[in-house]
Amino acid sequence: MRHAFVASNFIAIVSGVIGVFVVARQLSFLTHTLSEIGFAGASFAVFAGWAPLDGMILFTMLSSVLVGQMSIKESRREAVISAVSGLFIGLGILFLSLSSQTASSATSILFGSVVGISASEVHQLIILSAVVLAITVLIYRQLKFSSFDEVGAQVSGFNQTVISVVFLLLLALSVSVAAQIVGSLLIFILLTIPAASAKYFTHGVAKMMGLAILFSLLGTWAGLLLGYLTNWPVSFFIAVIEVIIYVIALLYQNFIEAN
């Protein structure tokens, strides 16, 4: 449980920070697609005898830029998502069927296994989180302009293509990190819902990040505690708590608009 809480802290921080830009850039669809790609990567790692996180990083990093560029045009976005998702889900199932591991491996990949996370996995997760946050800080100004003020970004002379590629790679790493607690099936919960909830309470980018991190921490901490007390899946409680927060955010927004 100590390892789980340490891991959840870093996962929540990364999800809150990156999630704000995911929502601003309207890339929730890509987060969902990367979850299927991550599932295939983790399954391949199980088949190859690697750590599942290594496989997720490999697959998501290699495919994030390609899929992101392929789905820029909204007219072909649905087709790209369907094709890529179907392909990688099929590959994931194939790798699991060829491996000698039990069905528990598939369950861990799909729904997470944060309570069973080891010290070495926590260290790896912390390093990845630090990398994501450090790069985000370095390109924060350019990324903020590119995500929230495209006109300002163009006037400032930022190379938006480079910023977009770097952000897609950061998103791929974030997906791999977040999967450790909610699994590949529910990655989009932490990477989209807290940030989407935060935008209804505040509008400053830094304030949105802080609130998104708070919502992510609330969901992961409460999810871990309830999972420990009930022996139910942690990811279930995280999903329910984050959705409740989002509903409250919508009600708050409706109340503000009505008054």
Protein backbone atom coordinates (compact mmCIF):
# COMPACT_ATOMS: atom_id res chain seq x y z
CA MET A 1 0.00 0.00 0.00
CA ARG A 2 2.92 2.36 0.67
CA HIS A 3 4.21 1.74 -2.84
CA ALA A 4 0.69 2.22 -4.18
CA PHE A 5 0.24 5.60 -2.53
CA VAL A 6 3.67 6.83 -3.67
CA ALA A 7 2.93 5.71 -7.22
CA SER A 8 -0.55 7.26 -7.17
CA ASN A 9 0.88 10.64 -6.16
CA PHE A 10 3.14 10.84 -9.21
CA ILE A 11 0.49 9.40 -11.52
CA ALA A 12 -2.03 11.99 -10.33
CA ILE A 13 0.41 14.88 -10.80
CA VAL A 14 1.36 13.79 -14.32
CA SER A 15 -2.27 13.14 -15.27
CA GLY A 16 -3.39 16.52 -13.94
CA VAL A 17 -0.68 18.48 -15.75
CA ILE A 18 -0.85 16.67 -19.10
CA GLY A 19 -4.64 16.30 -18.92
CA VAL A 20 -5.16 20.06 -19.05
CA PHE A 21 -3.39 20.19 -22.41
CA VAL A 22 -5.16 17.04 -23.63
CA VAL A 23 -8.54 18.68 -23.01
CA ALA A 24 -7.43 22.05 -24.44
CA ARG A 25 -6.08 20.43 -27.62
CA GLN A 26 -9.16 18.16 -27.87
CA LEU A 27 -7.05 15.01 -27.89
CA SER A 28 -9.24 12.86 -25.66
CA PHE A 29 -9.82 10.55 -28.62
CA LEU A 30 -6.06 10.00 -28.95
CA THR A 31 -5.77 9.11 -25.26
CA HIS A 32 -8.36 6.40 -25.80
CA THR A 33 -6.54 5.11 -28.89
CA LEU A 34 -3.21 5.04 -27.07
CA SER A 35 -4.83 2.93 -24.36
CA GLU A 36 -5.42 0.15 -26.89
CA ILE A 37 -1.90 0.58 -28.22
CA GLY A 38 -0.59 0.40 -24.67
CA PHE A 39 -2.55 -2.81 -24.11
CA ALA A 40 -0.86 -4.36 -27.15
CA GLY A 41 2.54 -3.15 -25.95
CA ALA A 42 2.06 -4.57 -22.46
CA SER A 43 0.83 -7.85 -23.92
CA PHE A 44 3.87 -8.02 -26.17
CA ALA A 45 6.09 -7.41 -23.14
CA VAL A 46 4.43 -10.29 -21.28
CA PHE A 47 4.98 -12.48 -24.35
CA ALA A 48 8.64 -11.39 -24.62
CA GLY A 49 9.31 -11.73 -20.90
CA TRP A 50 9.72 -7.99 -20.31
CA ALA A 51 8.11 -5.71 -17.74
CA PRO A 52 4.67 -4.62 -19.05
CA LEU A 53 5.56 -0.94 -18.62
CA ASP A 54 8.53 -1.31 -21.00
CA GLY A 55 6.27 -2.69 -23.71
CA MET A 56 3.71 0.06 -23.21
CA ILE A 57 6.37 2.75 -23.50
CA LEU A 58 7.81 1.18 -26.66
CA PHE A 59 4.48 0.83 -28.45
CA THR A 60 2.95 4.16 -27.41
CA MET A 61 6.08 6.19 -28.12
CA LEU A 62 6.50 4.67 -31.59
CA SER A 63 2.87 5.10 -32.57
CA SER A 64 1.75 8.32 -30.84
CA VAL A 65 3.17 10.74 -33.41
CA LEU A 66 2.02 8.63 -36.35
CA VAL A 67 -1.53 8.23 -35.05
CA GLY A 68 -1.69 11.87 -33.97
CA GLN A 69 -0.69 13.11 -37.42
CA MET A 70 -3.01 10.67 -39.19
CA SER A 71 -6.02 11.87 -37.20
CA ILE A 72 -5.50 15.64 -37.44
CA LYS A 73 -8.31 15.95 -39.98
CA GLU A 74 -11.67 15.42 -38.28
CA SER A 75 -13.14 13.93 -41.46
CA ARG A 76 -10.96 10.84 -41.13
CA ARG A 77 -10.51 10.79 -37.34
CA GLU A 78 -13.20 8.17 -36.63
CA ALA A 79 -11.89 5.84 -39.34
CA VAL A 80 -8.30 6.15 -38.08
CA ILE A 81 -9.34 5.51 -34.47
CA SER A 82 -11.42 2.47 -35.44
CA ALA A 83 -8.69 0.98 -37.61
CA VAL A 84 -5.84 1.56 -35.15
CA SER A 85 -7.85 0.47 -32.11
CA GLY A 86 -9.04 -2.70 -33.80
CA LEU A 87 -5.54 -3.60 -34.99
CA PHE A 88 -3.85 -3.15 -31.61
CA ILE A 89 -6.59 -4.83 -29.58
CA GLY A 90 -6.22 -7.80 -31.91
CA LEU A 91 -2.43 -7.76 -31.49
CA GLY A 92 -2.80 -7.57 -27.72
CA ILE A 93 -5.07 -10.60 -27.67
CA LEU A 94 -2.66 -12.45 -29.98
CA PHE A 95 0.40 -11.75 -27.80
CA LEU A 96 -1.45 -12.83 -24.64
CA SER A 97 -2.65 -16.05 -26.27
CA LEU A 98 0.92 -16.86 -27.40
CA SER A 99 2.46 -16.16 -24.01
CA SER A 100 2.75 -18.69 -21.22
CA GLN A 101 1.28 -16.30 -18.65
CA THR A 102 -2.08 -16.82 -16.96
CA ALA A 103 -5.25 -14.79 -17.37
CA SER A 104 -4.21 -12.68 -14.38
CA SER A 105 -1.67 -10.95 -16.61
CA ALA A 106 -4.43 -9.77 -18.92
CA THR A 107 -6.47 -8.56 -15.95
CA SER A 108 -3.53 -6.58 -14.58
CA ILE A 109 -2.85 -4.96 -17.95
CA LEU A 110 -6.48 -4.05 -18.57
CA PHE A 111 -7.47 -2.90 -15.09
CA GLY A 112 -4.17 -2.08 -13.38
CA SER A 113 -2.43 -3.70 -10.42
CA VAL A 114 -1.18 -0.77 -8.39
CA VAL A 115 -1.59 -2.57 -5.04
CA GLY A 116 0.92 -5.17 -6.23
CA ILE A 117 3.43 -2.68 -7.62
CA SER A 118 7.03 -3.36 -6.61
CA ALA A 119 9.68 -0.93 -5.36
CA SER A 120 11.61 -1.13 -8.64
CA GLU A 121 8.44 -0.36 -10.61
CA VAL A 122 7.78 2.63 -8.35
CA HIS A 123 11.30 3.93 -9.01
CA GLN A 124 10.82 3.52 -12.76
CA LEU A 125 7.48 5.29 -12.57
CA ILE A 126 8.98 8.19 -10.59
CA ILE A 127 11.76 8.60 -13.17
CA LEU A 128 9.27 8.63 -16.05
CA SER A 129 7.05 11.11 -14.22
CA ALA A 130 10.04 13.37 -13.57
CA VAL A 131 10.99 13.26 -17.26
CA VAL A 132 7.44 14.17 -18.34
CA LEU A 133 7.19 17.03 -15.85
CA ALA A 134 10.68 18.38 -16.60
CA ILE A 135 10.05 18.51 -20.36
CA THR A 136 6.63 20.07 -19.76
CA VAL A 137 8.25 22.83 -17.68
CA LEU A 138 10.84 23.45 -20.42
CA ILE A 139 8.22 23.90 -23.17
CA TYR A 140 5.45 25.22 -20.91
CA ARG A 141 5.20 28.67 -22.49
CA GLN A 142 5.18 27.35 -26.05
CA LEU A 143 2.79 24.53 -25.15
CA LYS A 144 0.40 26.93 -23.41
CA PHE A 145 0.31 29.25 -26.42
CA SER A 146 -0.10 26.35 -28.84
CA SER A 147 -2.92 24.80 -26.80
CA PHE A 148 -4.88 27.88 -25.70
CA ASP A 149 -3.89 30.63 -28.15
CA GLU A 150 -2.97 29.39 -31.62
CA VAL A 151 -2.92 32.91 -33.05
CA GLY A 152 -0.54 34.05 -30.34
CA ALA A 153 1.66 31.01 -30.98
CA GLN A 154 1.87 31.83 -34.68
CA VAL A 155 2.69 35.48 -33.99
CA SER A 156 5.38 34.47 -31.49
CA GLY A 157 7.04 32.35 -34.15
CA PHE A 158 6.87 29.03 -32.28
CA ASN A 159 7.42 25.90 -34.35
CA GLN A 160 4.04 24.35 -33.63
CA THR A 161 4.89 21.12 -35.42
CA VAL A 162 7.80 20.44 -33.07
CA ILE A 163 5.69 21.36 -30.03
CA SER A 164 2.91 19.04 -31.20
CA VAL A 165 5.31 16.13 -31.73
CA VAL A 166 6.94 16.64 -28.32
CA PHE A 167 3.53 16.82 -26.66
CA LEU A 168 2.39 13.60 -28.36
CA LEU A 169 5.49 11.86 -27.00
CA LEU A 170 4.76 13.26 -23.53
CA LEU A 171 1.20 12.00 -23.82
CA ALA A 172 2.49 8.54 -24.76
CA LEU A 173 4.69 8.46 -21.65
CA SER A 174 1.80 9.72 -19.52
CA VAL A 175 -0.46 6.96 -20.82
CA SER A 176 2.14 4.38 -19.84
CA VAL A 177 2.51 5.93 -16.39
CA ALA A 178 -1.23 6.24 -15.71
CA ALA A 179 -1.87 2.66 -16.82
CA GLN A 180 -0.07 1.39 -13.72
CA ILE A 181 -3.01 2.38 -11.53
CA VAL A 182 -6.13 2.27 -13.72
CA GLY A 183 -5.02 -0.14 -16.44
CA SER A 184 -4.99 0.38 -20.19
CA LEU A 185 -8.77 0.09 -20.39
CA LEU A 186 -9.43 3.13 -18.19
CA ILE A 187 -6.43 5.37 -18.86
CA PHE A 188 -8.57 8.16 -20.25
CA ILE A 189 -10.27 8.57 -16.86
CA LEU A 190 -7.27 10.19 -15.18
CA LEU A 191 -5.98 11.92 -18.30
CA THR A 192 -9.25 13.64 -19.23
CA ILE A 193 -11.95 13.77 -16.53
CA PRO A 194 -10.04 15.68 -13.77
CA ALA A 195 -8.88 18.32 -16.27
CA ALA A 196 -12.34 18.52 -17.86
CA SER A 197 -13.83 19.06 -14.38
CA ALA A 198 -11.24 21.70 -13.47
CA LYS A 199 -12.09 23.94 -16.42
CA TYR A 200 -15.59 24.50 -15.02
CA PHE A 201 -14.21 25.92 -11.77
CA THR A 202 -11.37 28.11 -13.05
CA HIS A 203 -9.86 29.42 -16.29
CA GLY A 204 -6.18 30.11 -15.60
CA VAL A 205 -3.91 27.39 -16.96
CA ALA A 206 -1.86 27.05 -13.76
CA LYS A 207 -5.03 27.04 -11.65
CA MET A 208 -6.58 24.40 -13.90
CA MET A 209 -3.49 22.23 -13.47
CA GLY A 210 -3.58 22.60 -9.69
CA LEU A 211 -7.27 21.72 -9.53
CA ALA A 212 -6.87 18.80 -11.96
CA ILE A 213 -4.03 17.42 -9.82
CA LEU A 214 -6.21 17.82 -6.72
CA PHE A 215 -9.09 15.94 -8.36
CA SER A 216 -6.71 13.20 -9.55
CA LEU A 217 -5.21 12.85 -6.08
CA LEU A 218 -8.66 12.73 -4.50
CA GLY A 219 -9.73 9.97 -6.87
CA THR A 220 -6.58 7.87 -6.49
CA TRP A 221 -6.27 8.24 -2.71
CA ALA A 222 -9.93 7.51 -2.07
CA GLY A 223 -9.87 4.70 -4.63
CA LEU A 224 -6.91 3.03 -2.93
CA LEU A 225 -8.50 3.36 0.50
CA LEU A 226 -11.87 2.01 -0.61
CA GLY A 227 -10.20 -0.77 -2.59
CA TYR A 228 -8.25 -1.78 0.51
CA LEU A 229 -11.37 -1.73 2.73
CA THR A 230 -13.67 -3.59 0.32
CA ASN A 231 -11.25 -5.69 -1.76
CA TRP A 232 -12.99 -4.33 -4.85
CA PRO A 233 -10.98 -3.09 -7.88
CA VAL A 234 -9.23 0.22 -7.24
CA SER A 235 -9.90 1.36 -10.82
CA PHE A 236 -13.66 1.02 -10.24
CA PHE A 237 -13.60 3.43 -7.32
CA ILE A 238 -11.33 5.87 -9.16
CA ALA A 239 -13.71 5.89 -12.13
CA VAL A 240 -16.78 6.45 -9.94
CA ILE A 241 -15.15 9.23 -7.88
CA GLU A 242 -13.87 11.11 -10.94
CA VAL A 243 -17.26 10.89 -12.64
CA ILE A 244 -18.95 12.20 -9.48
CA ILE A 245 -16.53 15.14 -9.44
CA TYR A 246 -17.31 15.81 -13.10
CA VAL A 247 -21.07 15.76 -12.45
CA ILE A 248 -20.59 18.21 -9.57
CA ALA A 249 -18.56 20.43 -11.90
CA LEU A 250 -21.37 20.41 -14.47
CA LEU A 251 -23.96 21.23 -11.81
CA TYR A 252 -21.77 24.07 -10.57
CA GLN A 253 -21.42 25.45 -14.09
CA ASN A 254 -25.18 25.27 -14.64
CA PHE A 255 -25.73 27.08 -11.32
CA ILE A 256 -23.31 29.85 -12.29
CA GLU A 257 -24.93 30.29 -15.69
CA ALA A 258 -28.41 30.36 -14.15
CA ASN A 259 -27.37 33.16 -11.82
